[in-house]
């Protein structure tokens, strides 16, 4: 299976169009959060993504509105919003969890979860799944410009205990493009470029 993935598009129509233009070569397309900026502007990107003739997995970022994304996908057969749940393609499970974990931004638009909330949601992740989260794991692909690690300990725990086959994330801009490994699981902080994976 070939996966085309990106994250943190933040209302960038040109980057979204580039994703659409390459999607025909993919089996599954993944967007690991932040279509919108401060809760606004996701609709034009969703309209473009809807033209992709492949399954599209969307995980809500901290800038996104979960209810808006789910409402948009109610009549989109190939659109799958994952937040604490899974979908299966070609016998491979994809499990998604969005939001900022834990909350670090107090703005009203910020979609966030506590570590205990995230741990409860991540408990449903099937072993061997492709894990898609918005927030990176704590200590991996999560370093800010000032050196602080701002990933999630709950995401790290599921990597260590559930053995996903691949983990895709975003969120921490200073770490876009970075990769790591937890056991046999590759970890990639995507950012708004096009990344290809084979599973």
N, C-alpha and C. Protein backbone atom coordinates (compact mmCIF):
# COMPACT_ATOMS: atom_id res chain seq x y z
N UNK A 1 0.84 -1.20 0.00
CA UNK A 1 0.00 0.00 0.00
C UNK A 1 0.88 1.25 0.00
N UNK A 2 0.54 2.19 -0.86
CA UNK A 2 1.25 3.46 -0.94
C UNK A 2 0.41 4.56 -0.29
N UNK A 3 1.03 5.27 0.67
CA UNK A 3 0.37 6.34 1.42
C UNK A 3 1.01 7.67 1.05
N UNK A 4 0.18 8.63 0.69
CA UNK A 4 0.62 10.01 0.46
C UNK A 4 0.14 10.83 1.65
N UNK A 5 1.06 11.51 2.33
CA UNK A 5 0.70 12.16 3.58
C UNK A 5 1.26 13.58 3.67
N UNK A 6 0.53 14.40 4.42
CA UNK A 6 0.95 15.77 4.70
C UNK A 6 0.29 16.22 5.99
N UNK A 7 0.65 17.40 6.48
CA UNK A 7 0.00 17.97 7.66
C UNK A 7 0.15 19.48 7.63
N UNK A 8 -0.61 20.14 8.48
CA UNK A 8 -0.43 21.57 8.75
C UNK A 8 -0.48 22.42 7.48
N UNK A 9 -1.51 22.20 6.69
CA UNK A 9 -1.67 22.98 5.46
C UNK A 9 -2.10 24.42 5.74
N UNK A 10 -2.80 24.65 6.83
CA UNK A 10 -3.14 26.01 7.28
C UNK A 10 -3.63 26.91 6.14
N UNK A 11 -4.71 26.48 5.49
CA UNK A 11 -5.40 27.28 4.47
C UNK A 11 -4.61 27.47 3.18
N UNK A 12 -3.57 26.71 2.99
CA UNK A 12 -2.71 26.85 1.80
C UNK A 12 -3.33 26.09 0.63
N UNK A 13 -4.00 26.82 -0.25
CA UNK A 13 -4.68 26.19 -1.38
C UNK A 13 -3.68 25.61 -2.38
N UNK A 14 -2.56 26.26 -2.60
CA UNK A 14 -1.57 25.75 -3.55
C UNK A 14 -1.00 24.42 -3.08
N UNK A 15 -0.68 24.31 -1.80
CA UNK A 15 -0.15 23.05 -1.27
C UNK A 15 -1.20 21.96 -1.33
N UNK A 16 -2.45 22.32 -1.08
CA UNK A 16 -3.53 21.34 -1.16
C UNK A 16 -3.73 20.88 -2.60
N UNK A 17 -3.64 21.80 -3.54
CA UNK A 17 -3.77 21.43 -4.95
C UNK A 17 -2.64 20.50 -5.38
N UNK A 18 -1.44 20.73 -4.87
CA UNK A 18 -0.32 19.84 -5.16
C UNK A 18 -0.59 18.44 -4.62
N UNK A 19 -1.18 18.36 -3.45
CA UNK A 19 -1.57 17.06 -2.88
C UNK A 19 -2.59 16.37 -3.77
N UNK A 20 -3.59 17.09 -4.19
CA UNK A 20 -4.63 16.54 -5.06
C UNK A 20 -4.01 16.04 -6.36
N UNK A 21 -3.07 16.82 -6.91
CA UNK A 21 -2.46 16.46 -8.18
C UNK A 21 -1.63 15.19 -8.13
N UNK A 22 -1.15 14.83 -6.95
CA UNK A 22 -0.32 13.62 -6.80
C UNK A 22 -1.10 12.43 -6.27
N UNK A 23 -2.34 12.64 -5.87
CA UNK A 23 -3.07 11.62 -5.12
C UNK A 23 -3.44 10.39 -5.94
N UNK A 24 -3.51 10.52 -7.25
CA UNK A 24 -3.92 9.37 -8.07
C UNK A 24 -2.92 8.22 -7.97
N UNK A 25 -1.68 8.51 -7.58
CA UNK A 25 -0.66 7.47 -7.45
C UNK A 25 -0.70 6.79 -6.09
N UNK A 26 -1.56 7.26 -5.19
CA UNK A 26 -1.63 6.74 -3.82
C UNK A 26 -2.79 5.76 -3.68
N UNK A 27 -2.69 4.90 -2.67
CA UNK A 27 -3.82 4.06 -2.28
C UNK A 27 -4.65 4.74 -1.20
N UNK A 28 -3.96 5.49 -0.33
CA UNK A 28 -4.61 6.22 0.75
C UNK A 28 -3.90 7.56 0.89
N UNK A 29 -4.67 8.62 1.16
CA UNK A 29 -4.12 9.95 1.42
C UNK A 29 -4.40 10.30 2.88
N UNK A 30 -3.38 10.83 3.56
CA UNK A 30 -3.48 11.17 4.98
C UNK A 30 -3.16 12.65 5.17
N UNK A 31 -4.03 13.35 5.91
CA UNK A 31 -3.75 14.73 6.33
C UNK A 31 -3.80 14.75 7.86
N UNK A 32 -2.64 14.96 8.48
CA UNK A 32 -2.51 14.83 9.92
C UNK A 32 -2.77 16.15 10.65
N UNK A 33 -3.84 16.82 10.28
CA UNK A 33 -4.31 17.96 11.05
C UNK A 33 -3.92 19.33 10.55
N UNK A 34 -4.69 20.31 11.02
CA UNK A 34 -4.51 21.74 10.74
C UNK A 34 -4.72 22.11 9.28
N UNK A 35 -5.91 21.81 8.79
CA UNK A 35 -6.35 22.40 7.53
C UNK A 35 -6.62 23.89 7.72
N UNK A 36 -7.20 24.22 8.87
CA UNK A 36 -7.63 25.58 9.17
C UNK A 36 -6.51 26.36 9.86
N UNK A 37 -6.77 27.63 10.09
CA UNK A 37 -5.94 28.48 10.93
C UNK A 37 -6.85 29.17 11.94
N UNK A 38 -6.61 28.91 13.20
CA UNK A 38 -7.42 29.46 14.30
C UNK A 38 -8.91 29.18 14.09
N UNK A 39 -9.21 27.96 13.61
CA UNK A 39 -10.59 27.53 13.46
C UNK A 39 -11.28 27.99 12.20
N UNK A 40 -10.58 28.69 11.32
CA UNK A 40 -11.20 29.26 10.13
C UNK A 40 -10.48 28.79 8.86
N UNK A 41 -11.25 28.70 7.76
CA UNK A 41 -10.65 28.52 6.44
C UNK A 41 -10.46 27.11 5.96
N UNK A 42 -11.05 26.12 6.64
CA UNK A 42 -10.86 24.73 6.22
C UNK A 42 -11.71 24.36 5.00
N UNK A 43 -12.87 24.99 4.83
CA UNK A 43 -13.82 24.56 3.81
C UNK A 43 -13.25 24.52 2.39
N UNK A 44 -12.52 25.56 1.92
CA UNK A 44 -11.97 25.47 0.56
C UNK A 44 -10.99 24.32 0.38
N UNK A 45 -10.23 24.00 1.42
CA UNK A 45 -9.30 22.87 1.35
C UNK A 45 -10.06 21.55 1.31
N UNK A 46 -11.11 21.44 2.11
CA UNK A 46 -11.94 20.24 2.11
C UNK A 46 -12.60 20.04 0.74
N UNK A 47 -13.01 21.15 0.11
CA UNK A 47 -13.59 21.04 -1.23
C UNK A 47 -12.59 20.45 -2.22
N UNK A 48 -11.33 20.87 -2.12
CA UNK A 48 -10.30 20.32 -2.99
C UNK A 48 -10.02 18.85 -2.67
N UNK A 49 -9.89 18.54 -1.39
CA UNK A 49 -9.61 17.16 -1.00
C UNK A 49 -10.71 16.22 -1.42
N UNK A 50 -11.91 16.71 -1.48
CA UNK A 50 -13.06 15.89 -1.85
C UNK A 50 -12.96 15.39 -3.30
N UNK A 51 -12.15 16.03 -4.11
CA UNK A 51 -12.01 15.62 -5.51
C UNK A 51 -11.03 14.45 -5.67
N UNK A 52 -10.35 14.05 -4.59
CA UNK A 52 -9.39 12.95 -4.66
C UNK A 52 -10.14 11.63 -4.81
N UNK A 53 -9.82 10.85 -5.83
CA UNK A 53 -10.53 9.58 -6.05
C UNK A 53 -9.93 8.43 -5.25
N UNK A 54 -9.58 8.68 -4.02
CA UNK A 54 -8.97 7.70 -3.13
C UNK A 54 -9.50 7.94 -1.72
N UNK A 55 -9.38 6.97 -0.83
CA UNK A 55 -9.72 7.23 0.58
C UNK A 55 -8.83 8.33 1.15
N UNK A 56 -9.44 9.28 1.84
CA UNK A 56 -8.72 10.39 2.46
C UNK A 56 -8.97 10.34 3.96
N UNK A 57 -7.90 10.22 4.73
CA UNK A 57 -7.98 10.20 6.18
C UNK A 57 -7.62 11.57 6.71
N UNK A 58 -8.51 12.13 7.51
CA UNK A 58 -8.33 13.45 8.10
C UNK A 58 -8.29 13.32 9.62
N UNK A 59 -7.25 13.83 10.23
CA UNK A 59 -7.17 13.90 11.69
C UNK A 59 -7.23 15.38 12.06
N UNK A 60 -8.13 15.78 12.95
CA UNK A 60 -8.26 17.20 13.27
C UNK A 60 -7.06 17.73 14.05
N UNK A 61 -6.52 18.84 13.59
CA UNK A 61 -5.44 19.49 14.32
C UNK A 61 -5.99 20.43 15.37
N UNK A 62 -5.11 21.06 16.11
CA UNK A 62 -5.57 21.97 17.16
C UNK A 62 -6.20 23.23 16.58
N UNK A 63 -5.94 23.55 15.31
CA UNK A 63 -6.57 24.71 14.67
C UNK A 63 -7.92 24.35 14.03
N UNK A 64 -8.24 23.06 13.96
CA UNK A 64 -9.45 22.61 13.26
C UNK A 64 -10.64 22.50 14.20
N UNK A 65 -11.81 22.46 13.58
CA UNK A 65 -13.06 22.23 14.33
C UNK A 65 -13.54 20.83 14.00
N UNK A 66 -13.50 19.95 14.99
CA UNK A 66 -13.86 18.56 14.78
C UNK A 66 -15.27 18.41 14.24
N UNK A 67 -16.22 19.12 14.83
CA UNK A 67 -17.62 19.00 14.39
C UNK A 67 -17.78 19.43 12.93
N UNK A 68 -17.08 20.48 12.53
CA UNK A 68 -17.15 20.95 11.14
C UNK A 68 -16.61 19.88 10.20
N UNK A 69 -15.49 19.28 10.55
CA UNK A 69 -14.90 18.26 9.69
C UNK A 69 -15.81 17.04 9.58
N UNK A 70 -16.37 16.61 10.69
CA UNK A 70 -17.26 15.45 10.66
C UNK A 70 -18.53 15.74 9.87
N UNK A 71 -19.06 16.93 10.03
CA UNK A 71 -20.26 17.31 9.28
C UNK A 71 -19.98 17.33 7.79
N UNK A 72 -18.82 17.85 7.40
CA UNK A 72 -18.47 17.93 6.00
C UNK A 72 -18.36 16.53 5.38
N UNK A 73 -17.93 15.57 6.15
CA UNK A 73 -17.67 14.23 5.63
C UNK A 73 -18.87 13.29 5.69
N UNK A 74 -20.01 13.77 6.17
CA UNK A 74 -21.15 12.87 6.32
C UNK A 74 -21.62 12.28 4.99
N UNK A 75 -21.50 13.03 3.91
CA UNK A 75 -21.92 12.51 2.60
C UNK A 75 -20.73 12.35 1.64
N UNK A 76 -19.52 12.27 2.20
CA UNK A 76 -18.31 12.05 1.41
C UNK A 76 -17.84 10.63 1.68
N UNK A 77 -18.12 9.74 0.75
CA UNK A 77 -17.86 8.32 0.95
C UNK A 77 -16.39 8.03 1.24
N UNK A 78 -15.48 8.75 0.59
CA UNK A 78 -14.05 8.49 0.74
C UNK A 78 -13.38 9.36 1.80
N UNK A 79 -14.14 10.21 2.49
CA UNK A 79 -13.57 11.06 3.53
C UNK A 79 -13.78 10.44 4.90
N UNK A 80 -12.70 10.29 5.67
CA UNK A 80 -12.76 9.63 6.97
C UNK A 80 -12.08 10.50 8.02
N UNK A 81 -12.87 11.08 8.91
CA UNK A 81 -12.33 11.85 10.02
C UNK A 81 -12.09 10.90 11.18
N UNK A 82 -10.83 10.77 11.59
CA UNK A 82 -10.48 9.86 12.67
C UNK A 82 -10.04 10.64 13.90
N UNK A 83 -10.76 10.43 14.99
CA UNK A 83 -10.40 11.03 16.27
C UNK A 83 -10.83 10.04 17.35
N UNK A 84 -9.90 9.15 17.68
CA UNK A 84 -10.20 8.11 18.65
C UNK A 84 -10.85 6.89 18.04
N UNK A 85 -10.72 6.74 16.72
CA UNK A 85 -11.31 5.58 16.05
C UNK A 85 -10.46 5.18 14.85
N UNK A 86 -10.90 4.10 14.21
CA UNK A 86 -10.08 3.50 13.16
C UNK A 86 -10.92 3.20 11.94
N UNK A 87 -10.22 3.04 10.82
CA UNK A 87 -10.82 2.57 9.57
C UNK A 87 -9.80 1.62 8.95
N UNK A 88 -10.28 0.69 8.14
CA UNK A 88 -9.39 -0.34 7.60
C UNK A 88 -9.44 -0.32 6.08
N UNK A 89 -8.24 -0.38 5.46
CA UNK A 89 -8.11 -0.50 4.02
C UNK A 89 -7.10 -1.60 3.72
N UNK A 90 -7.45 -2.50 2.80
CA UNK A 90 -6.56 -3.58 2.40
C UNK A 90 -5.99 -4.32 3.62
N UNK A 91 -6.87 -4.57 4.61
CA UNK A 91 -6.49 -5.29 5.82
C UNK A 91 -5.48 -4.56 6.70
N UNK A 92 -5.30 -3.27 6.48
CA UNK A 92 -4.45 -2.45 7.34
C UNK A 92 -5.32 -1.43 8.06
N UNK A 93 -5.23 -1.41 9.39
CA UNK A 93 -6.00 -0.46 10.18
C UNK A 93 -5.27 0.88 10.24
N UNK A 94 -6.03 1.96 10.11
CA UNK A 94 -5.54 3.32 10.33
C UNK A 94 -6.28 3.86 11.54
N UNK A 95 -5.52 4.29 12.55
CA UNK A 95 -6.12 4.84 13.77
C UNK A 95 -5.67 6.28 13.91
N UNK A 96 -6.61 7.17 14.19
CA UNK A 96 -6.28 8.58 14.28
C UNK A 96 -6.69 9.22 15.59
N UNK A 97 -5.90 10.20 16.02
CA UNK A 97 -6.25 11.03 17.17
C UNK A 97 -5.72 12.43 16.93
N UNK A 98 -6.63 13.39 16.96
CA UNK A 98 -6.25 14.77 16.70
C UNK A 98 -5.99 15.56 17.96
N UNK A 99 -6.00 16.87 17.82
CA UNK A 99 -5.87 17.83 18.92
C UNK A 99 -4.42 18.05 19.34
N UNK A 100 -4.24 19.08 20.13
CA UNK A 100 -2.97 19.35 20.79
C UNK A 100 -2.97 18.59 22.12
N UNK A 101 -1.92 17.80 22.35
CA UNK A 101 -1.83 16.98 23.56
C UNK A 101 -0.45 17.20 24.19
N UNK A 102 -0.40 17.71 25.45
CA UNK A 102 -1.49 18.32 26.21
C UNK A 102 -1.70 19.77 25.77
N UNK A 103 -2.68 20.42 26.34
CA UNK A 103 -2.97 21.81 25.98
C UNK A 103 -1.79 22.71 26.36
N UNK A 104 -1.33 23.48 25.38
CA UNK A 104 -0.27 24.46 25.63
C UNK A 104 -0.68 25.87 25.19
N UNK A 105 -1.81 25.95 24.50
CA UNK A 105 -2.32 27.23 24.01
C UNK A 105 -3.70 27.46 24.58
N UNK A 106 -3.92 28.61 25.21
CA UNK A 106 -5.18 28.89 25.89
C UNK A 106 -6.20 29.60 25.01
N UNK A 107 -5.90 29.81 23.74
CA UNK A 107 -6.84 30.49 22.85
C UNK A 107 -8.14 29.70 22.72
N UNK A 108 -9.24 30.41 22.53
CA UNK A 108 -10.55 29.77 22.49
C UNK A 108 -10.68 28.81 21.31
N UNK A 109 -9.95 29.07 20.23
CA UNK A 109 -10.05 28.20 19.05
C UNK A 109 -9.25 26.91 19.20
N UNK A 110 -8.37 26.84 20.17
CA UNK A 110 -7.43 25.72 20.26
C UNK A 110 -8.12 24.43 20.69
N UNK A 111 -8.05 23.41 19.84
CA UNK A 111 -8.63 22.10 20.12
C UNK A 111 -7.56 21.26 20.81
N UNK A 112 -7.79 20.89 22.07
CA UNK A 112 -6.76 20.23 22.86
C UNK A 112 -7.37 19.13 23.73
N UNK A 113 -6.51 18.22 24.17
CA UNK A 113 -6.88 17.15 25.09
C UNK A 113 -5.83 17.08 26.19
N UNK A 114 -6.24 16.57 27.34
CA UNK A 114 -5.28 16.27 28.39
C UNK A 114 -4.60 14.93 28.08
N UNK A 115 -3.50 14.65 28.73
CA UNK A 115 -2.84 13.36 28.55
C UNK A 115 -3.75 12.19 28.97
N UNK A 116 -4.46 12.28 30.10
CA UNK A 116 -5.37 11.16 30.44
C UNK A 116 -6.48 10.96 29.41
N UNK A 117 -7.04 12.04 28.87
CA UNK A 117 -8.05 11.90 27.82
C UNK A 117 -7.46 11.22 26.59
N UNK A 118 -6.26 11.63 26.21
CA UNK A 118 -5.62 11.03 25.04
C UNK A 118 -5.31 9.56 25.29
N UNK A 119 -4.85 9.22 26.48
CA UNK A 119 -4.51 7.83 26.79
C UNK A 119 -5.75 6.95 26.69
N UNK A 120 -6.89 7.43 27.16
CA UNK A 120 -8.12 6.65 27.06
C UNK A 120 -8.51 6.44 25.60
N UNK A 121 -8.38 7.47 24.78
CA UNK A 121 -8.73 7.35 23.36
C UNK A 121 -7.76 6.42 22.64
N UNK A 122 -6.48 6.55 22.94
CA UNK A 122 -5.46 5.76 22.26
C UNK A 122 -5.50 4.28 22.64
N UNK A 123 -6.17 3.97 23.74
CA UNK A 123 -6.29 2.56 24.15
C UNK A 123 -7.00 1.73 23.09
N UNK A 124 -7.79 2.36 22.24
CA UNK A 124 -8.53 1.65 21.19
C UNK A 124 -7.70 1.40 19.94
N UNK A 125 -6.45 1.89 19.90
CA UNK A 125 -5.61 1.72 18.72
C UNK A 125 -5.27 0.24 18.53
N UNK A 126 -5.59 -0.35 17.37
CA UNK A 126 -5.26 -1.76 17.15
C UNK A 126 -3.76 -1.96 17.02
N UNK A 127 -3.23 -3.06 17.52
CA UNK A 127 -1.81 -3.36 17.30
C UNK A 127 -1.51 -3.45 15.80
N UNK A 128 -0.35 -2.93 15.41
CA UNK A 128 0.05 -3.00 14.02
C UNK A 128 -0.62 -2.02 13.09
N UNK A 129 -1.33 -1.04 13.65
CA UNK A 129 -2.02 -0.05 12.82
C UNK A 129 -1.05 0.99 12.29
N UNK A 130 -1.50 1.73 11.28
CA UNK A 130 -0.87 3.00 10.92
C UNK A 130 -1.49 4.04 11.86
N UNK A 131 -0.68 4.62 12.72
CA UNK A 131 -1.15 5.59 13.69
C UNK A 131 -0.94 7.00 13.15
N UNK A 132 -2.01 7.78 13.14
CA UNK A 132 -1.95 9.17 12.68
C UNK A 132 -2.41 10.06 13.83
N UNK A 133 -1.52 10.89 14.33
CA UNK A 133 -1.88 11.86 15.35
C UNK A 133 -1.45 13.24 14.89
N UNK A 134 -2.08 14.25 15.45
CA UNK A 134 -1.59 15.61 15.14
C UNK A 134 -0.33 15.90 15.94
N UNK A 135 -0.34 15.54 17.21
CA UNK A 135 0.79 15.80 18.10
C UNK A 135 1.83 14.69 18.01
N UNK A 136 3.11 15.03 17.96
CA UNK A 136 4.16 14.00 17.96
C UNK A 136 4.30 13.34 19.33
N UNK A 137 5.05 12.24 19.40
CA UNK A 137 5.34 11.63 20.69
C UNK A 137 6.35 12.46 21.48
N UNK A 138 6.25 12.40 22.79
CA UNK A 138 7.15 13.15 23.66
C UNK A 138 8.60 12.74 23.42
N UNK A 139 9.44 13.73 23.10
CA UNK A 139 10.86 13.49 22.96
C UNK A 139 11.30 13.11 21.56
N UNK A 140 10.37 12.95 20.63
CA UNK A 140 10.71 12.54 19.26
C UNK A 140 10.01 13.44 18.26
N UNK A 141 10.76 14.07 17.37
CA UNK A 141 10.17 14.92 16.32
C UNK A 141 9.30 16.01 16.91
N UNK A 142 9.63 16.48 18.11
CA UNK A 142 8.75 17.43 18.82
C UNK A 142 9.51 18.61 19.40
N UNK A 143 10.74 18.85 18.96
CA UNK A 143 11.56 19.90 19.56
C UNK A 143 11.23 21.26 18.97
N UNK A 144 10.93 22.20 19.85
CA UNK A 144 10.70 23.58 19.44
C UNK A 144 12.03 24.29 19.20
N UNK A 145 11.98 25.48 18.63
CA UNK A 145 13.21 26.24 18.34
C UNK A 145 14.04 26.49 19.59
N UNK A 146 13.37 26.64 20.73
CA UNK A 146 14.11 26.91 21.97
C UNK A 146 14.60 25.64 22.66
N UNK A 147 14.40 24.48 22.02
CA UNK A 147 14.89 23.23 22.57
C UNK A 147 13.89 22.45 23.39
N UNK A 148 12.75 23.06 23.71
CA UNK A 148 11.75 22.34 24.50
C UNK A 148 11.12 21.22 23.67
N UNK A 149 10.84 20.10 24.33
CA UNK A 149 10.09 19.01 23.72
C UNK A 149 8.61 19.19 24.06
N UNK A 150 7.76 19.28 23.04
CA UNK A 150 6.34 19.54 23.29
C UNK A 150 5.46 18.47 22.66
N UNK A 151 5.92 17.23 22.69
CA UNK A 151 5.10 16.12 22.25
C UNK A 151 4.26 15.57 23.38
N UNK A 152 3.62 14.43 23.10
CA UNK A 152 2.68 13.82 24.03
C UNK A 152 3.24 12.52 24.60
N UNK A 153 3.20 12.40 25.92
CA UNK A 153 3.63 11.16 26.56
C UNK A 153 2.65 10.03 26.27
N UNK A 154 1.37 10.34 26.09
CA UNK A 154 0.38 9.31 25.76
C UNK A 154 0.62 8.73 24.37
N UNK A 155 1.01 9.58 23.43
CA UNK A 155 1.34 9.09 22.09
C UNK A 155 2.58 8.21 22.16
N UNK A 156 3.58 8.63 22.92
CA UNK A 156 4.78 7.80 23.08
C UNK A 156 4.43 6.44 23.68
N UNK A 157 3.55 6.43 24.67
CA UNK A 157 3.16 5.17 25.31
C UNK A 157 2.53 4.20 24.32
N UNK A 158 1.66 4.70 23.44
CA UNK A 158 1.02 3.79 22.49
C UNK A 158 2.02 3.27 21.47
N UNK A 159 3.03 4.07 21.13
CA UNK A 159 4.08 3.58 20.25
C UNK A 159 4.87 2.46 20.91
N UNK A 160 5.12 2.59 22.19
CA UNK A 160 5.92 1.60 22.90
C UNK A 160 5.13 0.33 23.21
N UNK A 161 3.81 0.46 23.36
CA UNK A 161 3.01 -0.67 23.85
C UNK A 161 2.11 -1.32 22.82
N UNK A 162 1.79 -0.63 21.72
CA UNK A 162 0.87 -1.17 20.73
C UNK A 162 1.56 -1.60 19.44
N UNK A 163 2.80 -1.20 19.26
CA UNK A 163 3.55 -1.61 18.08
C UNK A 163 2.95 -1.22 16.75
N UNK A 164 2.60 0.07 16.54
CA UNK A 164 2.12 0.47 15.21
C UNK A 164 3.18 0.19 14.15
N UNK A 165 2.74 0.04 12.92
CA UNK A 165 3.71 -0.21 11.83
C UNK A 165 4.27 1.10 11.27
N UNK A 166 3.57 2.21 11.53
CA UNK A 166 3.98 3.53 11.04
C UNK A 166 3.25 4.58 11.84
N UNK A 167 3.96 5.67 12.20
CA UNK A 167 3.32 6.78 12.91
C UNK A 167 3.57 8.08 12.14
N UNK A 168 2.48 8.75 11.79
CA UNK A 168 2.53 10.02 11.08
C UNK A 168 1.95 11.11 11.97
N UNK A 169 2.63 12.27 12.03
CA UNK A 169 2.17 13.35 12.89
C UNK A 169 2.57 14.69 12.27
N UNK A 170 2.38 15.77 13.00
CA UNK A 170 2.72 17.10 12.53
C UNK A 170 2.88 18.04 13.72
N UNK A 171 2.23 19.20 13.64
CA UNK A 171 2.02 20.15 14.74
C UNK A 171 3.23 21.00 15.10
N UNK A 172 4.37 20.38 15.40
CA UNK A 172 5.54 21.16 15.86
C UNK A 172 6.33 21.62 14.64
N UNK A 173 6.17 22.88 14.28
CA UNK A 173 6.72 23.38 13.02
C UNK A 173 8.24 23.30 12.96
N UNK A 174 8.91 23.52 14.07
CA UNK A 174 10.37 23.50 14.07
C UNK A 174 10.91 22.10 13.81
N UNK A 175 10.06 21.09 13.91
CA UNK A 175 10.49 19.70 13.69
C UNK A 175 9.89 19.09 12.43
N UNK A 176 9.27 19.90 11.57
CA UNK A 176 8.74 19.38 10.32
C UNK A 176 9.87 18.69 9.54
N UNK A 177 9.56 17.52 8.98
CA UNK A 177 10.52 16.78 8.19
C UNK A 177 11.41 15.85 8.99
N UNK A 178 11.30 15.88 10.32
CA UNK A 178 12.13 15.01 11.13
C UNK A 178 11.53 13.61 11.25
N UNK A 179 12.40 12.63 11.42
CA UNK A 179 11.99 11.23 11.56
C UNK A 179 12.68 10.62 12.77
N UNK A 180 12.08 9.56 13.29
CA UNK A 180 12.65 8.82 14.42
C UNK A 180 12.16 7.38 14.33
N UNK A 181 12.48 6.60 15.33
CA UNK A 181 12.08 5.20 15.35
C UNK A 181 11.77 4.80 16.79
N UNK A 182 10.66 4.10 16.99
CA UNK A 182 10.33 3.51 18.28
C UNK A 182 10.12 2.03 18.04
N UNK A 183 11.04 1.21 18.50
CA UNK A 183 10.99 -0.20 18.17
C UNK A 183 11.09 -0.39 16.67
N UNK A 184 10.11 -1.07 16.09
CA UNK A 184 10.08 -1.26 14.64
C UNK A 184 9.25 -0.20 13.93
N UNK A 185 8.74 0.79 14.67
CA UNK A 185 7.81 1.78 14.10
C UNK A 185 8.53 3.06 13.70
N UNK A 186 8.55 3.40 12.41
CA UNK A 186 9.06 4.70 12.00
C UNK A 186 8.09 5.81 12.40
N UNK A 187 8.65 6.94 12.82
CA UNK A 187 7.87 8.12 13.22
C UNK A 187 8.27 9.27 12.32
N UNK A 188 7.28 9.97 11.75
CA UNK A 188 7.56 11.08 10.84
C UNK A 188 6.70 12.29 11.19
N UNK A 189 7.35 13.43 11.45
CA UNK A 189 6.65 14.70 11.58
C UNK A 189 6.58 15.29 10.17
N UNK A 190 5.40 15.33 9.60
CA UNK A 190 5.22 15.56 8.17
C UNK A 190 5.48 17.01 7.74
N UNK A 191 4.67 17.92 8.26
CA UNK A 191 4.69 19.28 7.75
C UNK A 191 4.00 19.37 6.40
N UNK A 192 3.87 20.58 5.84
CA UNK A 192 3.05 20.80 4.64
C UNK A 192 3.75 20.49 3.32
N UNK A 193 4.53 19.43 3.31
CA UNK A 193 5.10 18.93 2.07
C UNK A 193 4.49 17.57 1.77
N UNK A 194 4.79 17.01 0.60
CA UNK A 194 4.24 15.71 0.24
C UNK A 194 5.23 14.62 0.63
N UNK A 195 4.77 13.64 1.40
CA UNK A 195 5.61 12.54 1.85
C UNK A 195 4.97 11.22 1.45
N UNK A 196 5.78 10.30 0.97
CA UNK A 196 5.30 9.00 0.51
C UNK A 196 5.81 7.90 1.44
N UNK A 197 4.92 6.94 1.71
CA UNK A 197 5.26 5.81 2.56
C UNK A 197 4.67 4.53 1.95
N UNK A 198 5.37 3.44 2.13
CA UNK A 198 4.86 2.14 1.67
C UNK A 198 4.74 1.22 2.87
N UNK A 199 3.57 0.63 3.07
CA UNK A 199 3.35 -0.29 4.19
C UNK A 199 2.79 -1.60 3.66
